[in-house]
């Protein structure tokens, strides 16, 4: 997803006029983004966007507000909005990170989301910006996805980054659950098999 595609995807949201005005306003006065960020769900709704798979209208609107900020303010504003936001606002920031050109400043946000008990935040943290996580943290995040039944197809770059250590962690979890009469999701078993095949 790129910003132009996201702009096109929100063309049919409710109160399109409000969104256009809000984007223009924060470009001139970044201090106004906090109020508009909070208003986005009420103004634009929360429905899924058919032309932007995985995005809801409020998330897309919030991403566009962040993208409208002067470049020098984007990282700081994104961090402030994340730390002071509710779960939906945090998720929008996480999903927007890859569109905003934010560097390692995003890593503390990813760590916080991964430590949360909200599977939607964990999934959002494992988008394209998860490449900035070190391998140990990334493995733990993938393992947490399995614990929380977050579909592994939401983990960006999973196939290229999965390694034997992750495979061992997942196999250990599968054995523990089997001993307790429980199962792990099928996509986790598929990943274990794929890692074993790649090693041999």
C-alpha atoms as a PDB file:
ATOM      1  CA  UNK A   1       0.000   0.000   0.000  1.00  0.00           C
ATOM      2  CA  UNK A   2       1.264   3.467  -0.907  1.00  0.00           C
ATOM      3  CA  UNK A   3      -0.184   6.838   0.006  1.00  0.00           C
ATOM      4  CA  UNK A   4      -1.726   7.493  -3.409  1.00  0.00           C
ATOM      5  CA  UNK A   5      -3.579   4.182  -3.218  1.00  0.00           C
ATOM      6  CA  UNK A   6      -4.779   5.032   0.277  1.00  0.00           C
ATOM      7  CA  UNK A   7      -6.002   8.442  -0.877  1.00  0.00           C
ATOM      8  CA  UNK A   8      -7.979   6.780  -3.648  1.00  0.00           C
ATOM      9  CA  UNK A   9      -9.383   4.181  -1.262  1.00  0.00           C
ATOM     10  CA  UNK A  10     -10.879   6.803   1.069  1.00  0.00           C
ATOM     11  CA  UNK A  11     -12.598   8.733  -1.697  1.00  0.00           C
ATOM     12  CA  UNK A  12     -15.976   7.312  -0.688  1.00  0.00           C
ATOM     13  CA  UNK A  13     -15.784   7.667   3.081  1.00  0.00           C
ATOM     14  CA  UNK A  14     -18.420   9.691   4.939  1.00  0.00           C
ATOM     15  CA  UNK A  15     -17.627  13.381   5.405  1.00  0.00           C
ATOM     16  CA  UNK A  16     -15.026  13.498   2.677  1.00  0.00           C
ATOM     17  CA  UNK A  17     -15.062  17.277   2.965  1.00  0.00           C
ATOM     18  CA  UNK A  18     -13.981  17.098   6.594  1.00  0.00           C
ATOM     19  CA  UNK A  19     -11.065  14.813   5.698  1.00  0.00           C
ATOM     20  CA  UNK A  20      -9.846  17.103   2.908  1.00  0.00           C
ATOM     21  CA  UNK A  21     -10.056  20.132   5.180  1.00  0.00           C
ATOM     22  CA  UNK A  22      -8.350  18.309   8.054  1.00  0.00           C
ATOM     23  CA  UNK A  23      -5.452  17.167   5.868  1.00  0.00           C
ATOM     24  CA  UNK A  24      -4.959  20.699   4.561  1.00  0.00           C
ATOM     25  CA  UNK A  25      -5.166  22.157   8.064  1.00  0.00           C
ATOM     26  CA  UNK A  26      -2.526  19.930   9.691  1.00  0.00           C
ATOM     27  CA  UNK A  27      -0.138  20.636   6.821  1.00  0.00           C
ATOM     28  CA  UNK A  28      -0.214  24.287   7.854  1.00  0.00           C
ATOM     29  CA  UNK A  29      -0.729  23.868  11.595  1.00  0.00           C
ATOM     30  CA  UNK A  30       0.667  20.533  12.859  1.00  0.00           C
ATOM     31  CA  UNK A  31      -0.502  21.283  16.401  1.00  0.00           C
ATOM     32  CA  UNK A  32      -4.059  20.690  15.242  1.00  0.00           C
ATOM     33  CA  UNK A  33      -3.522  17.038  14.416  1.00  0.00           C
ATOM     34  CA  UNK A  34      -4.348  15.674  17.875  1.00  0.00           C
ATOM     35  CA  UNK A  35      -7.958  16.831  17.780  1.00  0.00           C
ATOM     36  CA  UNK A  36      -8.472  15.774  14.167  1.00  0.00           C
ATOM     37  CA  UNK A  37      -6.822  12.409  14.766  1.00  0.00           C
ATOM     38  CA  UNK A  38      -9.323  11.729  17.541  1.00  0.00           C
ATOM     39  CA  UNK A  39     -12.254  12.853  15.372  1.00  0.00           C
ATOM     40  CA  UNK A  40     -11.385  10.655  12.394  1.00  0.00           C
ATOM     41  CA  UNK A  41     -13.461   7.623  13.391  1.00  0.00           C
ATOM     42  CA  UNK A  42     -16.584   9.675  14.037  1.00  0.00           C
ATOM     43  CA  UNK A  43     -16.193  11.635  10.822  1.00  0.00           C
ATOM     44  CA  UNK A  44     -15.018   8.907   8.447  1.00  0.00           C
ATOM     45  CA  UNK A  45     -16.395   5.751  10.030  1.00  0.00           C
ATOM     46  CA  UNK A  46     -14.659   2.467  10.784  1.00  0.00           C
ATOM     47  CA  UNK A  47     -15.752   0.374   7.833  1.00  0.00           C
ATOM     48  CA  UNK A  48     -13.253  -1.775   5.951  1.00  0.00           C
ATOM     49  CA  UNK A  49     -12.012  -0.225   2.705  1.00  0.00           C
ATOM     50  CA  UNK A  50     -12.543  -2.568  -0.260  1.00  0.00           C
ATOM     51  CA  UNK A  51      -9.732  -0.938  -2.227  1.00  0.00           C
ATOM     52  CA  UNK A  52      -7.263  -1.022   0.662  1.00  0.00           C
ATOM     53  CA  UNK A  53      -7.242  -4.568   2.087  1.00  0.00           C
ATOM     54  CA  UNK A  54      -6.516  -4.621   5.802  1.00  0.00           C
ATOM     55  CA  UNK A  55      -7.380  -0.936   6.293  1.00  0.00           C
ATOM     56  CA  UNK A  56     -10.440   0.620   7.881  1.00  0.00           C
ATOM     57  CA  UNK A  57     -11.653   4.101   6.990  1.00  0.00           C
ATOM     58  CA  UNK A  58     -10.548   5.672  10.271  1.00  0.00           C
ATOM     59  CA  UNK A  59      -7.080   4.121  10.022  1.00  0.00           C
ATOM     60  CA  UNK A  60      -6.622   5.387   6.486  1.00  0.00           C
ATOM     61  CA  UNK A  61      -7.830   8.878   7.403  1.00  0.00           C
ATOM     62  CA  UNK A  62      -5.403   8.995  10.306  1.00  0.00           C
ATOM     63  CA  UNK A  63      -2.536   7.823   8.103  1.00  0.00           C
ATOM     64  CA  UNK A  64      -3.308  10.607   5.629  1.00  0.00           C
ATOM     65  CA  UNK A  65      -3.340  13.160   8.442  1.00  0.00           C
ATOM     66  CA  UNK A  66       0.110  12.005   9.517  1.00  0.00           C
ATOM     67  CA  UNK A  67       1.372  12.049   5.944  1.00  0.00           C
ATOM     68  CA  UNK A  68       0.234  15.667   5.551  1.00  0.00           C
ATOM     69  CA  UNK A  69       2.495  16.889   8.349  1.00  0.00           C
ATOM     70  CA  UNK A  70       5.731  18.734   7.563  1.00  0.00           C
ATOM     71  CA  UNK A  71       8.469  16.099   7.236  1.00  0.00           C
ATOM     72  CA  UNK A  72      10.346  17.391  10.277  1.00  0.00           C
ATOM     73  CA  UNK A  73       7.302  16.839  12.503  1.00  0.00           C
ATOM     74  CA  UNK A  74       6.123  13.423  11.328  1.00  0.00           C
ATOM     75  CA  UNK A  75       8.141  11.170  13.642  1.00  0.00           C
ATOM     76  CA  UNK A  76       7.527  13.241  16.770  1.00  0.00           C
ATOM     77  CA  UNK A  77       3.809  13.610  16.111  1.00  0.00           C
ATOM     78  CA  UNK A  78       3.413   9.917  15.316  1.00  0.00           C
ATOM     79  CA  UNK A  79       5.068   8.991  18.605  1.00  0.00           C
ATOM     80  CA  UNK A  80       2.969  11.456  20.603  1.00  0.00           C
ATOM     81  CA  UNK A  81      -0.259  10.255  18.998  1.00  0.00           C
ATOM     82  CA  UNK A  82       0.655   6.647  19.694  1.00  0.00           C
ATOM     83  CA  UNK A  83       1.532   7.155  23.352  1.00  0.00           C
ATOM     84  CA  UNK A  84      -1.568   9.222  24.057  1.00  0.00           C
ATOM     85  CA  UNK A  85      -3.992   7.363  21.803  1.00  0.00           C
ATOM     86  CA  UNK A  86      -6.574   4.671  22.398  1.00  0.00           C
ATOM     87  CA  UNK A  87      -6.154   1.223  20.871  1.00  0.00           C
ATOM     88  CA  UNK A  88      -7.629   2.224  17.507  1.00  0.00           C
ATOM     89  CA  UNK A  89      -5.414   5.309  17.301  1.00  0.00           C
ATOM     90  CA  UNK A  90      -2.325   3.295  18.233  1.00  0.00           C
ATOM     91  CA  UNK A  91      -3.162   0.756  15.546  1.00  0.00           C
ATOM     92  CA  UNK A  92      -3.528   3.502  12.943  1.00  0.00           C
ATOM     93  CA  UNK A  93      -0.108   4.910  13.833  1.00  0.00           C
ATOM     94  CA  UNK A  94       1.500   1.473  13.599  1.00  0.00           C
ATOM     95  CA  UNK A  95      -0.055   0.769  10.226  1.00  0.00           C
ATOM     96  CA  UNK A  96       0.963   4.202   8.928  1.00  0.00           C
ATOM     97  CA  UNK A  97       4.628   3.923   9.931  1.00  0.00           C
ATOM     98  CA  UNK A  98       5.735   2.201   6.742  1.00  0.00           C
ATOM     99  CA  UNK A  99       4.092   4.930   4.647  1.00  0.00           C
ATOM    100  CA  UNK A 100       5.758   7.792   6.489  1.00  0.00           C
ATOM    101  CA  UNK A 101       9.468   7.112   6.084  1.00  0.00           C
ATOM    102  CA  UNK A 102      10.003   6.905   9.849  1.00  0.00           C
ATOM    103  CA  UNK A 103      13.222   5.165  10.815  1.00  0.00           C
ATOM    104  CA  UNK A 104      14.383   3.621  14.072  1.00  0.00           C
ATOM    105  CA  UNK A 105      12.270   6.124  16.005  1.00  0.00           C
ATOM    106  CA  UNK A 106       9.423   3.683  15.463  1.00  0.00           C
ATOM    107  CA  UNK A 107      11.073   0.778  17.293  1.00  0.00           C
ATOM    108  CA  UNK A 108       9.875   1.725  20.824  1.00  0.00           C
ATOM    109  CA  UNK A 109       6.318   1.848  19.469  1.00  0.00           C
ATOM    110  CA  UNK A 110       6.695  -1.622  17.981  1.00  0.00           C
ATOM    111  CA  UNK A 111       8.075  -2.970  21.264  1.00  0.00           C
ATOM    112  CA  UNK A 112       5.170  -1.498  23.210  1.00  0.00           C
ATOM    113  CA  UNK A 113       2.587  -2.940  20.828  1.00  0.00           C
ATOM    114  CA  UNK A 114       4.198  -6.376  20.938  1.00  0.00           C
ATOM    115  CA  UNK A 115       4.104  -6.341  24.745  1.00  0.00           C
ATOM    116  CA  UNK A 116       0.385  -5.532  24.709  1.00  0.00           C
ATOM    117  CA  UNK A 117      -2.432  -8.025  25.112  1.00  0.00           C
ATOM    118  CA  UNK A 118      -4.284  -6.671  22.082  1.00  0.00           C
ATOM    119  CA  UNK A 119      -3.853  -9.039  19.122  1.00  0.00           C
ATOM    120  CA  UNK A 120      -4.708  -6.227  16.695  1.00  0.00           C
ATOM    121  CA  UNK A 121      -1.805  -4.147  18.000  1.00  0.00           C
ATOM    122  CA  UNK A 122       0.572  -7.100  17.850  1.00  0.00           C
ATOM    123  CA  UNK A 123      -0.442  -7.769  14.250  1.00  0.00           C
ATOM    124  CA  UNK A 124      -0.054  -4.097  13.305  1.00  0.00           C
ATOM    125  CA  UNK A 125       3.440  -4.031  14.813  1.00  0.00           C
ATOM    126  CA  UNK A 126       4.492  -6.870  12.524  1.00  0.00           C
ATOM    127  CA  UNK A 127       3.901  -4.951   9.314  1.00  0.00           C
ATOM    128  CA  UNK A 128       6.751  -3.717   7.084  1.00  0.00           C
ATOM    129  CA  UNK A 129       8.421  -1.703   9.865  1.00  0.00           C
ATOM    130  CA  UNK A 130       9.032  -4.920  11.800  1.00  0.00           C
ATOM    131  CA  UNK A 131      12.177  -5.282   9.697  1.00  0.00           C
ATOM    132  CA  UNK A 132      13.686  -2.812  12.191  1.00  0.00           C
ATOM    133  CA  UNK A 133      13.212  -5.263  15.063  1.00  0.00           C
ATOM    134  CA  UNK A 134      16.223  -7.330  16.018  1.00  0.00           C
ATOM    135  CA  UNK A 135      15.856 -11.028  15.319  1.00  0.00           C
ATOM    136  CA  UNK A 136      15.319 -12.052  18.942  1.00  0.00           C
ATOM    137  CA  UNK A 137      12.447  -9.601  19.447  1.00  0.00           C
ATOM    138  CA  UNK A 138      10.966 -10.524  16.070  1.00  0.00           C
ATOM    139  CA  UNK A 139      10.953 -14.232  16.959  1.00  0.00           C
ATOM    140  CA  UNK A 140       9.218 -13.495  20.253  1.00  0.00           C
ATOM    141  CA  UNK A 141       6.632 -11.424  18.408  1.00  0.00           C
ATOM    142  CA  UNK A 142       5.902 -14.253  15.973  1.00  0.00           C
ATOM    143  CA  UNK A 143       5.590 -16.688  18.876  1.00  0.00           C
ATOM    144  CA  UNK A 144       3.161 -14.303  20.551  1.00  0.00           C
ATOM    145  CA  UNK A 145       1.085 -14.260  17.359  1.00  0.00           C
ATOM    146  CA  UNK A 146       0.731 -18.015  17.652  1.00  0.00           C
ATOM    147  CA  UNK A 147      -0.247 -17.743  21.336  1.00  0.00           C
ATOM    148  CA  UNK A 148      -2.850 -15.100  20.479  1.00  0.00           C
ATOM    149  CA  UNK A 149      -4.105 -16.853  17.317  1.00  0.00           C
ATOM    150  CA  UNK A 150      -3.063 -13.948  15.111  1.00  0.00           C
ATOM    151  CA  UNK A 151      -2.907 -15.323  11.547  1.00  0.00           C
ATOM    152  CA  UNK A 152       0.722 -15.576  10.499  1.00  0.00           C
ATOM    153  CA  UNK A 153      -0.065 -14.228   7.049  1.00  0.00           C
ATOM    154  CA  UNK A 154      -0.209 -10.838   8.772  1.00  0.00           C
ATOM    155  CA  UNK A 155       3.515 -11.024   9.593  1.00  0.00           C
ATOM    156  CA  UNK A 156       5.377  -9.103   6.916  1.00  0.00           C
ATOM    157  CA  UNK A 157       8.419 -10.924   5.503  1.00  0.00           C
ATOM    158  CA  UNK A 158       7.760 -14.097   7.490  1.00  0.00           C
ATOM    159  CA  UNK A 159       9.019 -16.554   4.886  1.00  0.00           C
ATOM    160  CA  UNK A 160      12.317 -14.766   4.336  1.00  0.00           C
ATOM    161  CA  UNK A 161      13.046 -14.113   8.007  1.00  0.00           C
ATOM    162  CA  UNK A 162      11.948 -17.331   9.703  1.00  0.00           C
ATOM    163  CA  UNK A 163      14.971 -19.287  10.922  1.00  0.00           C
ATOM    164  CA  UNK A 164      15.822 -22.526  12.685  1.00  0.00           C
ATOM    165  CA  UNK A 165      15.651 -20.911  16.123  1.00  0.00           C
ATOM    166  CA  UNK A 166      12.094 -19.748  15.474  1.00  0.00           C
ATOM    167  CA  UNK A 167      11.278 -23.225  14.200  1.00  0.00           C
ATOM    168  CA  UNK A 168      12.605 -24.723  17.430  1.00  0.00           C
ATOM    169  CA  UNK A 169      10.568 -22.303  19.538  1.00  0.00           C
ATOM    170  CA  UNK A 170       7.407 -23.119  17.626  1.00  0.00           C
ATOM    171  CA  UNK A 171       8.074 -26.865  17.758  1.00  0.00           C
ATOM    172  CA  UNK A 172       8.549 -26.627  21.528  1.00  0.00           C
ATOM    173  CA  UNK A 173       5.241 -24.824  21.858  1.00  0.00           C
ATOM    174  CA  UNK A 174       3.512 -27.433  19.711  1.00  0.00           C
ATOM    175  CA  UNK A 175       4.912 -30.227  21.894  1.00  0.00           C
ATOM    176  CA  UNK A 176       3.803 -28.497  25.097  1.00  0.00           C
ATOM    177  CA  UNK A 177       0.304 -28.018  23.760  1.00  0.00           C
ATOM    178  CA  UNK A 178       0.095 -31.581  22.474  1.00  0.00           C
ATOM    179  CA  UNK A 179       1.055 -32.865  25.933  1.00  0.00           C
ATOM    180  CA  UNK A 180      -1.784 -30.778  27.370  1.00  0.00           C
ATOM    181  CA  UNK A 181      -4.254 -32.031  24.782  1.00  0.00           C
ATOM    182  CA  UNK A 182      -4.272 -28.746  22.906  1.00  0.00           C
ATOM    183  CA  UNK A 183      -3.233 -27.749  19.414  1.00  0.00           C
ATOM    184  CA  UNK A 184      -1.444 -24.896  17.698  1.00  0.00           C
ATOM    185  CA  UNK A 185      -2.902 -23.134  14.659  1.00  0.00           C
ATOM    186  CA  UNK A 186      -2.420 -24.836  11.315  1.00  0.00           C
ATOM    187  CA  UNK A 187      -0.373 -21.951   9.939  1.00  0.00           C
ATOM    188  CA  UNK A 188       2.155 -22.426  12.751  1.00  0.00           C
ATOM    189  CA  UNK A 189       2.501 -26.116  11.890  1.00  0.00           C
ATOM    190  CA  UNK A 190       2.950 -25.179   8.237  1.00  0.00           C
ATOM    191  CA  UNK A 191       5.694 -22.729   9.203  1.00  0.00           C
ATOM    192  CA  UNK A 192       7.492 -25.368  11.291  1.00  0.00           C
ATOM    193  CA  UNK A 193       7.404 -27.745   8.335  1.00  0.00           C
ATOM    194  CA  UNK A 194       8.629 -25.043   5.951  1.00  0.00           C
ATOM    195  CA  UNK A 195      11.569 -24.168   8.211  1.00  0.00           C
ATOM    196  CA  UNK A 196      12.545 -27.812   8.565  1.00  0.00           C
ATOM    197  CA  UNK A 197      12.407 -28.288   4.808  1.00  0.00           C
ATOM    198  CA  UNK A 198      14.591 -25.239   4.191  1.00  0.00           C
ATOM    199  CA  UNK A 199      17.189 -26.493   6.669  1.00  0.00           C
ATOM    200  CA  UNK A 200      17.386 -29.928   5.131  1.00  0.00           C
END
